[in-house]
């Protein structure tokens, strides 16, 4: 008599997360039913409840699985940049590169699901799902604060309020660029091979974002009452 093989718990958990990542990317958080998810993952609802407890907890685990390592990589890149500077202040473009490189590496991971996650991350900013956006903000908080301080040192003459706005625009541009990977196909003259050249994308994106951060600050002139 043959015994039926039992899959390890970690393998079942990974299958659920992989299925959720792809389905949420395709149909959104509200548009993906638990029935569809369990069918895709090849598990029953009890397995999802056992590993995660609820759909909200599943969503949190999904984001933590990717964002925690990516944010750790961002901190490591900035640590390396500042160590290599040997007391000098790294310029804004170098700081930007340290931030975007881990994102580009994840986007380049098509087989491991990284590209699906990056697209899901972009979608999460446009869907009316406030708890998810708050979760992402919490996961980003430490990294954003660290990079904010690095950019303040790189741009000492820029008012903090202006820097915060420019960082907001920078993160929005980065999210859209990474999530909407097919948009460049609509631009006349774009070479097909350029769409998947990580190094070329890094060069173009870093230069563009740095130009925005380094743009002169316009003085607001108040009209006399």
N, C-alpha and C. Protein backbone atom coordinates (compact mmCIF):
# COMPACT_ATOMS: atom_id res chain seq x y z
N UNK A 1 0.86 -1.19 0.00
CA UNK A 1 0.00 0.00 0.00
C UNK A 1 0.90 1.24 0.00
N UNK A 2 0.65 2.17 -0.93
CA UNK A 2 1.48 3.37 -1.02
C UNK A 2 0.89 4.46 -0.15
N UNK A 3 1.77 5.20 0.46
CA UNK A 3 1.34 6.33 1.28
C UNK A 3 1.33 7.59 0.44
N UNK A 4 0.31 8.39 0.62
CA UNK A 4 0.20 9.65 -0.13
C UNK A 4 1.20 10.67 0.43
N UNK A 5 1.97 11.25 -0.46
CA UNK A 5 2.98 12.21 -0.02
C UNK A 5 2.33 13.46 0.56
N UNK A 6 2.85 13.93 1.67
CA UNK A 6 2.35 15.15 2.31
C UNK A 6 3.34 16.27 2.03
N UNK A 7 2.85 17.35 1.44
CA UNK A 7 3.73 18.46 1.11
C UNK A 7 4.12 19.20 2.38
N UNK A 8 5.37 19.63 2.50
CA UNK A 8 5.81 20.39 3.67
C UNK A 8 4.99 21.67 3.83
N UNK A 9 4.74 22.12 5.07
CA UNK A 9 3.95 23.33 5.30
C UNK A 9 4.49 24.55 4.58
N UNK A 10 5.82 24.70 4.54
CA UNK A 10 6.40 25.87 3.90
C UNK A 10 6.13 25.88 2.40
N UNK A 11 6.06 24.67 1.79
CA UNK A 11 5.78 24.59 0.36
C UNK A 11 4.33 25.00 0.07
N UNK A 12 3.42 24.55 0.93
CA UNK A 12 2.01 24.94 0.77
C UNK A 12 1.85 26.44 0.93
N UNK A 13 2.52 27.01 1.92
CA UNK A 13 2.44 28.45 2.17
C UNK A 13 2.98 29.23 0.96
N UNK A 14 4.07 28.76 0.41
CA UNK A 14 4.66 29.43 -0.75
C UNK A 14 3.73 29.36 -1.95
N UNK A 15 3.09 28.22 -2.17
CA UNK A 15 2.16 28.09 -3.30
C UNK A 15 0.98 29.05 -3.15
N UNK A 16 0.49 29.21 -1.94
CA UNK A 16 -0.61 30.13 -1.70
C UNK A 16 -0.18 31.57 -2.00
N UNK A 17 1.00 31.93 -1.52
CA UNK A 17 1.51 33.28 -1.75
C UNK A 17 1.75 33.54 -3.23
N UNK A 18 2.32 32.57 -3.93
CA UNK A 18 2.58 32.72 -5.36
C UNK A 18 1.28 32.91 -6.13
N UNK A 19 0.27 32.11 -5.79
CA UNK A 19 -1.02 32.21 -6.47
C UNK A 19 -1.67 33.56 -6.18
N UNK A 20 -1.62 33.98 -4.92
CA UNK A 20 -2.22 35.26 -4.54
C UNK A 20 -1.54 36.42 -5.24
N UNK A 21 -0.23 36.36 -5.33
CA UNK A 21 0.54 37.42 -5.98
C UNK A 21 0.11 37.60 -7.44
N UNK A 22 -0.01 36.51 -8.16
CA UNK A 22 -0.39 36.57 -9.57
C UNK A 22 -1.85 37.00 -9.73
N UNK A 23 -2.74 36.46 -8.93
CA UNK A 23 -4.16 36.78 -9.06
C UNK A 23 -4.46 38.21 -8.64
N UNK A 24 -3.84 38.67 -7.55
CA UNK A 24 -4.04 40.05 -7.12
C UNK A 24 -3.50 41.02 -8.17
N UNK A 25 -2.39 40.64 -8.80
CA UNK A 25 -1.83 41.49 -9.85
C UNK A 25 -2.77 41.57 -11.04
N UNK A 26 -3.41 40.47 -11.39
CA UNK A 26 -4.29 40.43 -12.55
C UNK A 26 -5.67 41.03 -12.28
N UNK A 27 -6.24 40.72 -11.10
CA UNK A 27 -7.64 41.08 -10.84
C UNK A 27 -7.86 42.03 -9.67
N UNK A 28 -6.81 42.36 -8.95
CA UNK A 28 -6.97 43.25 -7.81
C UNK A 28 -7.32 42.49 -6.55
N UNK A 29 -7.26 43.18 -5.42
CA UNK A 29 -7.53 42.55 -4.13
C UNK A 29 -9.00 42.19 -3.97
N UNK A 30 -9.86 43.12 -4.34
CA UNK A 30 -11.29 42.86 -4.21
C UNK A 30 -11.80 41.93 -5.29
N UNK A 31 -11.15 41.95 -6.45
CA UNK A 31 -11.62 41.15 -7.57
C UNK A 31 -11.18 39.69 -7.52
N UNK A 32 -10.38 39.33 -6.54
CA UNK A 32 -9.91 37.94 -6.41
C UNK A 32 -10.64 37.27 -5.25
N UNK A 33 -11.41 36.26 -5.54
CA UNK A 33 -12.13 35.53 -4.50
C UNK A 33 -11.24 34.47 -3.88
N UNK A 34 -11.55 34.09 -2.66
CA UNK A 34 -10.78 33.04 -2.01
C UNK A 34 -10.96 31.71 -2.74
N UNK A 35 -12.11 31.53 -3.35
CA UNK A 35 -12.36 30.30 -4.11
C UNK A 35 -11.41 30.21 -5.31
N UNK A 36 -11.25 31.34 -6.01
CA UNK A 36 -10.33 31.37 -7.15
C UNK A 36 -8.90 31.15 -6.69
N UNK A 37 -8.56 31.75 -5.56
CA UNK A 37 -7.20 31.65 -5.04
C UNK A 37 -6.87 30.21 -4.65
N UNK A 38 -7.77 29.57 -3.91
CA UNK A 38 -7.50 28.19 -3.48
C UNK A 38 -7.43 27.24 -4.66
N UNK A 39 -8.25 27.51 -5.68
CA UNK A 39 -8.21 26.68 -6.88
C UNK A 39 -6.88 26.81 -7.59
N UNK A 40 -6.37 28.04 -7.71
CA UNK A 40 -5.09 28.27 -8.38
C UNK A 40 -3.94 27.64 -7.59
N UNK A 41 -4.01 27.74 -6.27
CA UNK A 41 -2.93 27.22 -5.43
C UNK A 41 -3.02 25.71 -5.23
N UNK A 42 -4.17 25.13 -5.55
CA UNK A 42 -4.34 23.70 -5.36
C UNK A 42 -4.48 23.31 -3.90
N UNK A 43 -5.13 24.18 -3.11
CA UNK A 43 -5.33 23.91 -1.69
C UNK A 43 -6.79 24.17 -1.34
N UNK A 44 -7.17 23.83 -0.12
CA UNK A 44 -8.52 24.16 0.33
C UNK A 44 -8.49 25.39 1.23
N UNK A 45 -9.67 25.89 1.55
CA UNK A 45 -9.75 27.11 2.36
C UNK A 45 -9.15 26.92 3.74
N UNK A 46 -9.26 25.70 4.26
CA UNK A 46 -8.70 25.42 5.58
C UNK A 46 -7.19 25.65 5.60
N UNK A 47 -6.53 25.34 4.48
CA UNK A 47 -5.07 25.53 4.41
C UNK A 47 -4.72 27.02 4.47
N UNK A 48 -5.52 27.84 3.76
CA UNK A 48 -5.29 29.29 3.79
C UNK A 48 -5.50 29.82 5.20
N UNK A 49 -6.57 29.38 5.85
CA UNK A 49 -6.85 29.83 7.21
C UNK A 49 -5.77 29.37 8.18
N UNK A 50 -5.25 28.17 7.97
CA UNK A 50 -4.21 27.64 8.85
C UNK A 50 -2.93 28.48 8.75
N UNK A 51 -2.54 28.82 7.53
CA UNK A 51 -1.27 29.53 7.33
C UNK A 51 -1.38 31.03 7.55
N UNK A 52 -2.55 31.61 7.29
CA UNK A 52 -2.67 33.07 7.34
C UNK A 52 -3.80 33.59 8.23
N UNK A 53 -4.86 32.84 8.39
CA UNK A 53 -5.93 33.26 9.28
C UNK A 53 -7.01 34.10 8.63
N UNK A 54 -6.62 34.97 7.69
CA UNK A 54 -7.58 35.84 7.01
C UNK A 54 -6.98 36.35 5.70
N UNK A 55 -7.81 36.93 4.87
CA UNK A 55 -7.33 37.48 3.60
C UNK A 55 -6.42 38.67 3.86
N UNK A 56 -6.75 39.50 4.85
CA UNK A 56 -5.90 40.65 5.18
C UNK A 56 -4.51 40.20 5.64
N UNK A 57 -4.48 39.14 6.44
CA UNK A 57 -3.19 38.62 6.91
C UNK A 57 -2.39 38.03 5.75
N UNK A 58 -3.09 37.43 4.80
CA UNK A 58 -2.44 36.89 3.60
C UNK A 58 -1.81 38.03 2.80
N UNK A 59 -2.54 39.12 2.63
CA UNK A 59 -2.02 40.28 1.89
C UNK A 59 -0.78 40.84 2.58
N UNK A 60 -0.83 40.93 3.90
CA UNK A 60 0.34 41.44 4.64
C UNK A 60 1.55 40.53 4.45
N UNK A 61 1.33 39.22 4.55
CA UNK A 61 2.43 38.26 4.36
C UNK A 61 3.00 38.35 2.96
N UNK A 62 2.12 38.58 1.99
CA UNK A 62 2.54 38.68 0.59
C UNK A 62 3.49 39.87 0.40
N UNK A 63 3.12 41.03 0.97
CA UNK A 63 3.97 42.21 0.82
C UNK A 63 5.25 42.10 1.64
N UNK A 64 5.15 41.53 2.82
CA UNK A 64 6.35 41.39 3.65
C UNK A 64 7.36 40.45 3.00
N UNK A 65 6.88 39.43 2.32
CA UNK A 65 7.78 38.47 1.69
C UNK A 65 8.71 39.15 0.69
N UNK A 66 8.23 40.16 0.00
CA UNK A 66 9.05 40.83 -1.02
C UNK A 66 9.67 42.13 -0.51
N UNK A 67 8.87 42.93 0.23
CA UNK A 67 9.35 44.25 0.61
C UNK A 67 10.40 44.22 1.70
N UNK A 68 10.29 43.29 2.65
CA UNK A 68 11.30 43.24 3.72
C UNK A 68 12.70 42.99 3.15
N UNK A 69 12.89 41.98 2.28
CA UNK A 69 14.23 41.79 1.69
C UNK A 69 14.65 42.95 0.78
N UNK A 70 13.69 43.53 0.01
CA UNK A 70 14.05 44.63 -0.88
C UNK A 70 14.47 45.86 -0.08
N UNK A 71 13.76 46.14 1.00
CA UNK A 71 14.12 47.29 1.82
C UNK A 71 15.45 47.06 2.53
N UNK A 72 15.71 45.82 2.95
CA UNK A 72 17.01 45.51 3.55
C UNK A 72 18.13 45.73 2.53
N UNK A 73 17.86 45.37 1.28
CA UNK A 73 18.84 45.59 0.21
C UNK A 73 19.07 47.08 -0.03
N UNK A 74 18.00 47.87 0.08
CA UNK A 74 18.14 49.32 -0.11
C UNK A 74 19.01 49.93 0.99
N UNK A 75 18.80 49.50 2.21
CA UNK A 75 19.63 50.00 3.32
C UNK A 75 21.08 49.58 3.11
N UNK A 76 21.28 48.33 2.67
CA UNK A 76 22.64 47.83 2.43
C UNK A 76 23.33 48.62 1.32
N UNK A 77 22.59 48.95 0.26
CA UNK A 77 23.15 49.74 -0.84
C UNK A 77 23.57 51.12 -0.35
N UNK A 78 22.74 51.73 0.48
CA UNK A 78 23.06 53.06 0.99
C UNK A 78 24.24 53.00 1.96
N UNK A 79 24.27 51.96 2.79
CA UNK A 79 25.42 51.78 3.70
C UNK A 79 26.72 51.67 2.90
N UNK A 80 26.67 50.89 1.82
CA UNK A 80 27.85 50.68 0.99
C UNK A 80 28.27 51.99 0.31
N UNK A 81 27.27 52.73 -0.18
CA UNK A 81 27.55 54.00 -0.85
C UNK A 81 28.23 54.97 0.11
N UNK A 82 27.70 55.08 1.32
CA UNK A 82 28.25 56.03 2.29
C UNK A 82 29.62 55.58 2.80
N UNK A 83 29.81 54.28 2.91
CA UNK A 83 31.12 53.78 3.34
C UNK A 83 32.18 54.06 2.28
N UNK A 84 31.80 53.85 1.01
CA UNK A 84 32.74 54.09 -0.08
C UNK A 84 33.08 55.58 -0.24
N UNK A 85 32.16 56.45 0.21
CA UNK A 85 32.37 57.90 0.08
C UNK A 85 33.46 58.39 1.04
N UNK A 86 33.74 57.62 2.10
CA UNK A 86 34.82 57.94 3.05
C UNK A 86 34.74 59.37 3.58
N UNK A 87 33.56 59.70 4.12
CA UNK A 87 33.40 61.01 4.74
C UNK A 87 32.80 62.06 3.83
N UNK A 88 32.89 61.85 2.52
CA UNK A 88 32.26 62.79 1.60
C UNK A 88 30.75 62.52 1.55
N UNK A 89 30.00 63.50 1.09
CA UNK A 89 28.55 63.35 0.98
C UNK A 89 28.21 62.85 -0.42
N UNK A 90 27.60 61.68 -0.55
CA UNK A 90 27.20 61.18 -1.88
C UNK A 90 26.21 62.13 -2.53
N UNK A 91 26.32 62.30 -3.84
CA UNK A 91 25.39 63.19 -4.54
C UNK A 91 24.02 62.53 -4.68
N UNK A 92 23.04 63.35 -5.06
CA UNK A 92 21.65 62.89 -5.10
C UNK A 92 21.45 61.73 -6.07
N UNK A 93 22.10 61.77 -7.22
CA UNK A 93 21.91 60.70 -8.20
C UNK A 93 22.44 59.37 -7.68
N UNK A 94 23.55 59.40 -6.95
CA UNK A 94 24.09 58.16 -6.38
C UNK A 94 23.14 57.59 -5.34
N UNK A 95 22.52 58.47 -4.55
CA UNK A 95 21.55 58.03 -3.55
C UNK A 95 20.34 57.40 -4.24
N UNK A 96 19.90 58.03 -5.33
CA UNK A 96 18.76 57.49 -6.09
C UNK A 96 19.08 56.11 -6.63
N UNK A 97 20.27 55.94 -7.16
CA UNK A 97 20.67 54.64 -7.70
C UNK A 97 20.61 53.57 -6.62
N UNK A 98 21.08 53.92 -5.43
CA UNK A 98 21.07 52.96 -4.33
C UNK A 98 19.64 52.53 -4.01
N UNK A 99 18.70 53.43 -4.20
CA UNK A 99 17.30 53.12 -3.91
C UNK A 99 16.65 52.27 -5.01
N UNK A 100 16.93 52.59 -6.27
CA UNK A 100 16.20 51.94 -7.35
C UNK A 100 16.79 50.59 -7.79
N UNK A 101 18.08 50.37 -7.54
CA UNK A 101 18.70 49.12 -8.01
C UNK A 101 18.01 47.87 -7.47
N UNK A 102 17.69 47.78 -6.15
CA UNK A 102 16.98 46.59 -5.67
C UNK A 102 15.62 46.39 -6.34
N UNK A 103 14.94 47.47 -6.68
CA UNK A 103 13.65 47.37 -7.38
C UNK A 103 13.84 46.79 -8.77
N UNK A 104 14.87 47.24 -9.46
CA UNK A 104 15.13 46.75 -10.82
C UNK A 104 15.51 45.27 -10.80
N UNK A 105 16.26 44.86 -9.79
CA UNK A 105 16.62 43.45 -9.67
C UNK A 105 15.37 42.59 -9.47
N UNK A 106 14.45 43.09 -8.66
CA UNK A 106 13.22 42.34 -8.42
C UNK A 106 12.37 42.28 -9.68
N UNK A 107 12.30 43.38 -10.41
CA UNK A 107 11.53 43.41 -11.65
C UNK A 107 12.11 42.45 -12.68
N UNK A 108 13.42 42.25 -12.63
CA UNK A 108 14.08 41.37 -13.59
C UNK A 108 13.87 39.89 -13.26
N UNK A 109 13.30 39.62 -12.09
CA UNK A 109 13.07 38.25 -11.65
C UNK A 109 11.69 37.77 -12.11
N UNK A 110 11.59 37.42 -13.38
CA UNK A 110 10.31 36.97 -13.93
C UNK A 110 9.96 35.56 -13.47
N UNK A 111 10.93 34.67 -13.46
CA UNK A 111 10.67 33.28 -13.09
C UNK A 111 10.32 33.14 -11.60
N UNK A 112 10.92 33.95 -10.77
CA UNK A 112 10.67 33.87 -9.34
C UNK A 112 9.48 34.66 -8.87
N UNK A 113 8.77 35.32 -9.80
CA UNK A 113 7.58 36.07 -9.44
C UNK A 113 7.82 37.53 -9.11
N UNK A 114 9.08 37.97 -9.15
CA UNK A 114 9.37 39.36 -8.82
C UNK A 114 8.67 40.36 -9.70
N UNK A 115 8.60 40.06 -10.99
CA UNK A 115 7.95 40.99 -11.93
C UNK A 115 6.46 41.10 -11.63
N UNK A 116 5.82 39.99 -11.30
CA UNK A 116 4.41 40.04 -10.91
C UNK A 116 4.21 40.93 -9.70
N UNK A 117 5.12 40.80 -8.72
CA UNK A 117 4.98 41.59 -7.50
C UNK A 117 5.15 43.07 -7.79
N UNK A 118 6.13 43.43 -8.61
CA UNK A 118 6.35 44.84 -8.92
C UNK A 118 5.10 45.44 -9.58
N UNK A 119 4.47 44.68 -10.45
CA UNK A 119 3.24 45.16 -11.09
C UNK A 119 2.10 45.26 -10.08
N UNK A 120 2.05 44.30 -9.17
CA UNK A 120 1.05 44.35 -8.10
C UNK A 120 1.27 45.57 -7.22
N UNK A 121 2.52 45.86 -6.92
CA UNK A 121 2.86 47.02 -6.10
C UNK A 121 2.37 48.30 -6.76
N UNK A 122 2.59 48.41 -8.08
CA UNK A 122 2.10 49.58 -8.79
C UNK A 122 0.59 49.67 -8.76
N UNK A 123 -0.07 48.53 -8.90
CA UNK A 123 -1.53 48.52 -8.89
C UNK A 123 -2.09 48.92 -7.52
N UNK A 124 -1.38 48.55 -6.48
CA UNK A 124 -1.87 48.82 -5.13
C UNK A 124 -1.98 50.32 -4.84
N UNK A 125 -1.21 51.14 -5.57
CA UNK A 125 -1.27 52.59 -5.36
C UNK A 125 -2.50 53.22 -6.01
N UNK A 126 -3.11 52.53 -6.96
CA UNK A 126 -4.26 53.09 -7.67
C UNK A 126 -5.59 52.49 -7.24
N UNK A 127 -5.55 51.34 -6.56
CA UNK A 127 -6.80 50.72 -6.11
C UNK A 127 -7.27 51.39 -4.82
N UNK A 128 -8.59 51.52 -4.67
CA UNK A 128 -9.15 52.14 -3.44
C UNK A 128 -9.11 51.17 -2.26
N UNK A 129 -7.92 50.75 -1.87
CA UNK A 129 -7.76 49.82 -0.76
C UNK A 129 -6.85 50.48 0.27
N UNK A 130 -7.45 51.29 1.12
CA UNK A 130 -6.70 52.10 2.07
C UNK A 130 -5.84 51.27 3.03
N UNK A 131 -6.35 50.16 3.60
CA UNK A 131 -5.53 49.37 4.51
C UNK A 131 -4.24 48.86 3.86
N UNK A 132 -4.32 48.47 2.57
CA UNK A 132 -3.12 47.98 1.88
C UNK A 132 -2.11 49.09 1.68
N UNK A 133 -2.58 50.27 1.29
CA UNK A 133 -1.66 51.40 1.10
C UNK A 133 -1.02 51.81 2.43
N UNK A 134 -1.81 51.73 3.52
CA UNK A 134 -1.25 52.04 4.84
C UNK A 134 -0.18 51.02 5.23
N UNK A 135 -0.44 49.76 4.92
CA UNK A 135 0.54 48.71 5.21
C UNK A 135 1.84 48.96 4.46
N UNK A 136 1.73 49.27 3.18
CA UNK A 136 2.93 49.53 2.37
C UNK A 136 3.69 50.73 2.94
N UNK A 137 2.95 51.76 3.36
CA UNK A 137 3.59 52.93 3.95
C UNK A 137 4.36 52.58 5.21
N UNK A 138 3.79 51.71 6.03
CA UNK A 138 4.46 51.27 7.25
C UNK A 138 5.74 50.49 6.93
N UNK A 139 5.65 49.62 5.92
CA UNK A 139 6.82 48.82 5.56
C UNK A 139 7.93 49.67 4.95
N UNK A 140 7.55 50.76 4.30
CA UNK A 140 8.53 51.65 3.67
C UNK A 140 9.10 52.69 4.64
N UNK A 141 8.44 52.92 5.78
CA UNK A 141 8.74 54.07 6.63
C UNK A 141 10.22 54.20 7.01
N UNK A 142 10.81 53.13 7.48
CA UNK A 142 12.20 53.19 7.92
C UNK A 142 13.14 53.52 6.77
N UNK A 143 12.91 52.90 5.62
CA UNK A 143 13.78 53.13 4.46
C UNK A 143 13.61 54.56 3.94
N UNK A 144 12.37 55.02 3.87
CA UNK A 144 12.11 56.37 3.36
C UNK A 144 12.79 57.41 4.25
N UNK A 145 12.71 57.22 5.55
CA UNK A 145 13.33 58.17 6.48
C UNK A 145 14.85 58.17 6.31
N UNK A 146 15.42 56.99 6.13
CA UNK A 146 16.88 56.91 5.95
C UNK A 146 17.31 57.61 4.66
N UNK A 147 16.57 57.40 3.58
CA UNK A 147 16.91 58.03 2.31
C UNK A 147 16.61 59.53 2.33
N UNK A 148 15.62 59.91 3.08
CA UNK A 148 15.33 61.34 3.22
C UNK A 148 16.52 62.05 3.84
N UNK A 149 17.09 61.47 4.89
CA UNK A 149 18.25 62.09 5.53
C UNK A 149 19.44 62.14 4.57
N UNK A 150 19.63 61.08 3.78
CA UNK A 150 20.73 61.07 2.82
C UNK A 150 20.55 62.16 1.76
N UNK A 151 19.31 62.35 1.31
CA UNK A 151 19.05 63.38 0.30
C UNK A 151 19.14 64.78 0.90
N UNK A 152 18.80 64.93 2.17
CA UNK A 152 18.97 66.23 2.82
C UNK A 152 20.45 66.62 2.87
N UNK A 153 21.30 65.63 3.11
CA UNK A 153 22.74 65.91 3.12
C UNK A 153 23.24 66.23 1.71
N UNK A 154 22.68 65.55 0.71
CA UNK A 154 23.10 65.78 -0.68
C UNK A 154 22.58 67.11 -1.21
N UNK A 155 21.43 67.57 -0.68
CA UNK A 155 20.80 68.81 -1.15
C UNK A 155 20.56 69.73 0.05
N UNK A 156 21.61 70.22 0.67
CA UNK A 156 21.48 70.98 1.93
C UNK A 156 20.72 72.29 1.80
N UNK A 157 20.66 72.87 0.60
CA UNK A 157 19.99 74.16 0.43
C UNK A 157 18.51 74.02 0.11
N UNK A 158 18.03 72.81 -0.05
CA UNK A 158 16.62 72.62 -0.41
C UNK A 158 15.75 72.58 0.85
N UNK A 159 14.67 73.36 0.87
CA UNK A 159 13.75 73.32 2.01
C UNK A 159 13.19 71.91 2.19
N UNK A 160 13.03 71.50 3.43
CA UNK A 160 12.57 70.15 3.72
C UNK A 160 11.22 69.87 3.07
N UNK A 161 10.31 70.84 3.14
CA UNK A 161 8.98 70.63 2.57
C UNK A 161 9.07 70.38 1.06
N UNK A 162 9.95 71.10 0.38
CA UNK A 162 10.13 70.91 -1.06
C UNK A 162 10.74 69.54 -1.34
N UNK A 163 11.70 69.12 -0.53
CA UNK A 163 12.33 67.81 -0.71
C UNK A 163 11.31 66.69 -0.55
N UNK A 164 10.42 66.83 0.44
CA UNK A 164 9.40 65.81 0.67
C UNK A 164 8.50 65.67 -0.55
N UNK A 165 8.11 66.80 -1.15
CA UNK A 165 7.28 66.74 -2.35
C UNK A 165 8.03 66.08 -3.50
N UNK A 166 9.28 66.41 -3.66
CA UNK A 166 10.06 65.83 -4.77
C UNK A 166 10.30 64.34 -4.57
N UNK A 167 10.46 63.91 -3.33
CA UNK A 167 10.57 62.49 -3.06
C UNK A 167 9.26 61.78 -3.38
N UNK A 168 8.15 62.45 -3.08
CA UNK A 168 6.83 61.90 -3.41
C UNK A 168 6.71 61.69 -4.92
N UNK A 169 7.12 62.69 -5.70
CA UNK A 169 7.07 62.57 -7.16
C UNK A 169 8.03 61.48 -7.64
N UNK A 170 9.18 61.39 -6.99
CA UNK A 170 10.17 60.40 -7.37
C UNK A 170 9.63 58.98 -7.17
N UNK A 171 9.03 58.72 -6.01
CA UNK A 171 8.49 57.40 -5.73
C UNK A 171 7.33 57.07 -6.67
N UNK A 172 6.52 58.07 -6.99
CA UNK A 172 5.42 57.84 -7.92
C UNK A 172 5.92 57.48 -9.31
N UNK A 173 6.94 58.19 -9.77
CA UNK A 173 7.52 57.90 -11.08
C UNK A 173 8.14 56.51 -11.11
N UNK A 174 8.85 56.17 -10.05
CA UNK A 174 9.49 54.86 -9.97
C UNK A 174 8.44 53.74 -9.99
N UNK A 175 7.39 53.90 -9.20
CA UNK A 175 6.34 52.86 -9.13
C UNK A 175 5.68 52.67 -10.48
N UNK A 176 5.36 53.78 -11.15
CA UNK A 176 4.70 53.68 -12.45
C UNK A 176 5.62 53.03 -13.48
N UNK A 177 6.87 53.44 -13.48
CA UNK A 177 7.82 52.90 -14.45
C UNK A 177 8.00 51.40 -14.29
N UNK A 178 8.10 50.95 -13.06
CA UNK A 178 8.31 49.53 -12.81
C UNK A 178 7.06 48.71 -13.05
N UNK A 179 5.90 49.27 -12.70
CA UNK A 179 4.65 48.52 -12.84
C UNK A 179 4.15 48.49 -14.28
N UNK A 180 4.26 49.60 -14.98
CA UNK A 180 3.75 49.68 -16.35
C UNK A 180 4.87 49.38 -17.33
N UNK A 181 5.39 48.16 -17.28
CA UNK A 181 6.57 47.82 -18.08
C UNK A 181 6.30 47.78 -19.58
N UNK A 182 5.04 47.74 -19.99
CA UNK A 182 4.73 47.68 -21.42
C UNK A 182 4.48 49.05 -22.04
N UNK A 183 4.39 50.08 -21.20
CA UNK A 183 4.07 51.41 -21.71
C UNK A 183 5.07 51.91 -22.73
N UNK A 184 6.36 51.57 -22.51
CA UNK A 184 7.39 52.07 -23.41
C UNK A 184 7.17 51.57 -24.84
N UNK A 185 6.42 50.47 -24.99
CA UNK A 185 6.15 49.96 -26.34
C UNK A 185 5.32 50.95 -27.15
N UNK A 186 4.59 51.82 -26.46
CA UNK A 186 3.73 52.78 -27.14
C UNK A 186 4.51 53.99 -27.64
N UNK A 187 5.74 54.14 -27.19
CA UNK A 187 6.52 55.32 -27.57
C UNK A 187 7.27 55.04 -28.87
N UNK A 188 7.00 55.85 -29.85
CA UNK A 188 7.63 55.65 -31.16
C UNK A 188 9.15 55.73 -31.03
N UNK A 189 9.82 54.79 -31.68
CA UNK A 189 11.27 54.81 -31.71
C UNK A 189 11.93 54.00 -30.62
N UNK A 190 11.16 53.48 -29.64
CA UNK A 190 11.76 52.68 -28.58
C UNK A 190 12.20 51.33 -29.13
N UNK A 191 13.41 50.92 -28.80
CA UNK A 191 13.93 49.64 -29.28
C UNK A 191 13.41 48.51 -28.39
N UNK A 192 12.91 47.42 -28.96
CA UNK A 192 12.38 46.30 -28.17
C UNK A 192 13.38 45.78 -27.13
N UNK A 193 14.65 45.71 -27.50
CA UNK A 193 15.64 45.16 -26.58
C UNK A 193 15.87 46.06 -25.37
N UNK A 194 15.54 47.35 -25.51
CA UNK A 194 15.75 48.29 -24.41
C UNK A 194 14.79 48.04 -23.26
N UNK A 195 13.66 47.40 -23.54
CA UNK A 195 12.64 47.23 -22.52
C UNK A 195 13.09 46.30 -21.41
N UNK A 196 14.07 45.45 -21.68
CA UNK A 196 14.48 44.47 -20.68
C UNK A 196 15.96 44.62 -20.32
N UNK A 197 16.53 45.78 -20.62
CA UNK A 197 17.92 46.04 -20.29
C UNK A 197 17.96 46.77 -18.94
N UNK A 198 18.22 46.01 -17.87
CA UNK A 198 18.18 46.58 -16.52
C UNK A 198 19.15 47.74 -16.36
N UNK A 199 20.36 47.58 -16.90
CA UNK A 199 21.38 48.61 -16.74
C UNK A 199 20.97 49.90 -17.46
N UNK A 200 20.41 49.76 -18.66
CA UNK A 200 19.99 50.93 -19.42
C UNK A 200 18.84 51.63 -18.72
N UNK A 201 17.91 50.85 -18.18
CA UNK A 201 16.79 51.45 -17.45
C UNK A 201 17.29 52.18 -16.21
N UNK A 202 18.26 51.60 -15.53
CA UNK A 202 18.83 52.26 -14.35
C UNK A 202 19.44 53.60 -14.73
N UNK A 203 20.22 53.63 -15.82
CA UNK A 203 20.86 54.87 -16.25
C UNK A 203 19.83 55.95 -16.56
N UNK A 204 18.82 55.58 -17.35
CA UNK A 204 17.82 56.57 -17.76
C UNK A 204 16.97 57.04 -16.59
N UNK A 205 16.54 56.08 -15.77
CA UNK A 205 15.66 56.42 -14.65
C UNK A 205 16.39 57.26 -13.61
N UNK A 206 17.62 56.89 -13.29
CA UNK A 206 18.39 57.64 -12.30
C UNK A 206 18.65 59.06 -12.78
N UNK A 207 18.99 59.22 -14.04
CA UNK A 207 19.26 60.56 -14.58
C UNK A 207 18.00 61.42 -14.55
N UNK A 208 16.86 60.81 -14.90
CA UNK A 208 15.59 61.55 -14.92
C UNK A 208 15.19 61.98 -13.52
N UNK A 209 15.27 61.06 -12.56
CA UNK A 209 14.87 61.39 -11.20
C UNK A 209 15.82 62.40 -10.57
N UNK A 210 17.10 62.27 -10.86
CA UNK A 210 18.08 63.22 -10.31
C UNK A 210 17.83 64.62 -10.84
N UNK A 211 17.45 64.72 -12.11
CA UNK A 211 17.17 66.04 -12.69
C UNK A 211 16.00 66.69 -11.96
N UNK A 212 15.00 65.90 -11.62
CA UNK A 212 13.85 66.44 -10.88
C UNK A 212 14.23 66.88 -9.48
N UNK A 213 15.03 66.08 -8.80
CA UNK A 213 15.45 66.44 -7.44
C UNK A 213 16.35 67.67 -7.43
N UNK A 214 17.19 67.80 -8.45
CA UNK A 214 18.16 68.89 -8.49
C UNK A 214 17.63 70.16 -9.15
N UNK A 215 16.39 70.13 -9.64
CA UNK A 215 15.83 71.31 -10.32
C UNK A 215 15.80 72.50 -9.37
N UNK A 216 16.03 73.72 -9.90
CA UNK A 216 15.99 74.91 -9.04
C UNK A 216 14.65 75.05 -8.34
N UNK A 217 14.70 75.54 -7.12
CA UNK A 217 13.48 75.76 -6.35
C UNK A 217 12.91 77.12 -6.71
N UNK A 218 11.68 77.15 -7.20
CA UNK A 218 11.05 78.42 -7.57
C UNK A 218 10.50 79.11 -6.32
N UNK A 219 10.73 80.39 -6.26
CA UNK A 219 10.23 81.16 -5.14
C UNK A 219 8.79 81.57 -5.40
N UNK A 220 7.92 81.31 -4.45
CA UNK A 220 6.51 81.69 -4.59
C UNK A 220 6.35 83.14 -4.17
N UNK A 221 5.83 83.94 -5.07
CA UNK A 221 5.64 85.36 -4.81
C UNK A 221 4.19 85.59 -4.43
N UNK A 222 3.97 86.06 -3.21
CA UNK A 222 2.61 86.32 -2.76
C UNK A 222 2.16 87.70 -3.24
N UNK A 223 0.94 87.72 -3.73
CA UNK A 223 0.39 89.00 -4.17
C UNK A 223 0.00 89.84 -2.96
N UNK A 224 0.18 91.11 -3.08
CA UNK A 224 -0.20 91.99 -1.99
C UNK A 224 -1.70 92.02 -1.83
N UNK A 225 -2.14 92.02 -0.60
CA UNK A 225 -3.58 92.00 -0.35
C UNK A 225 -4.21 93.31 -0.77
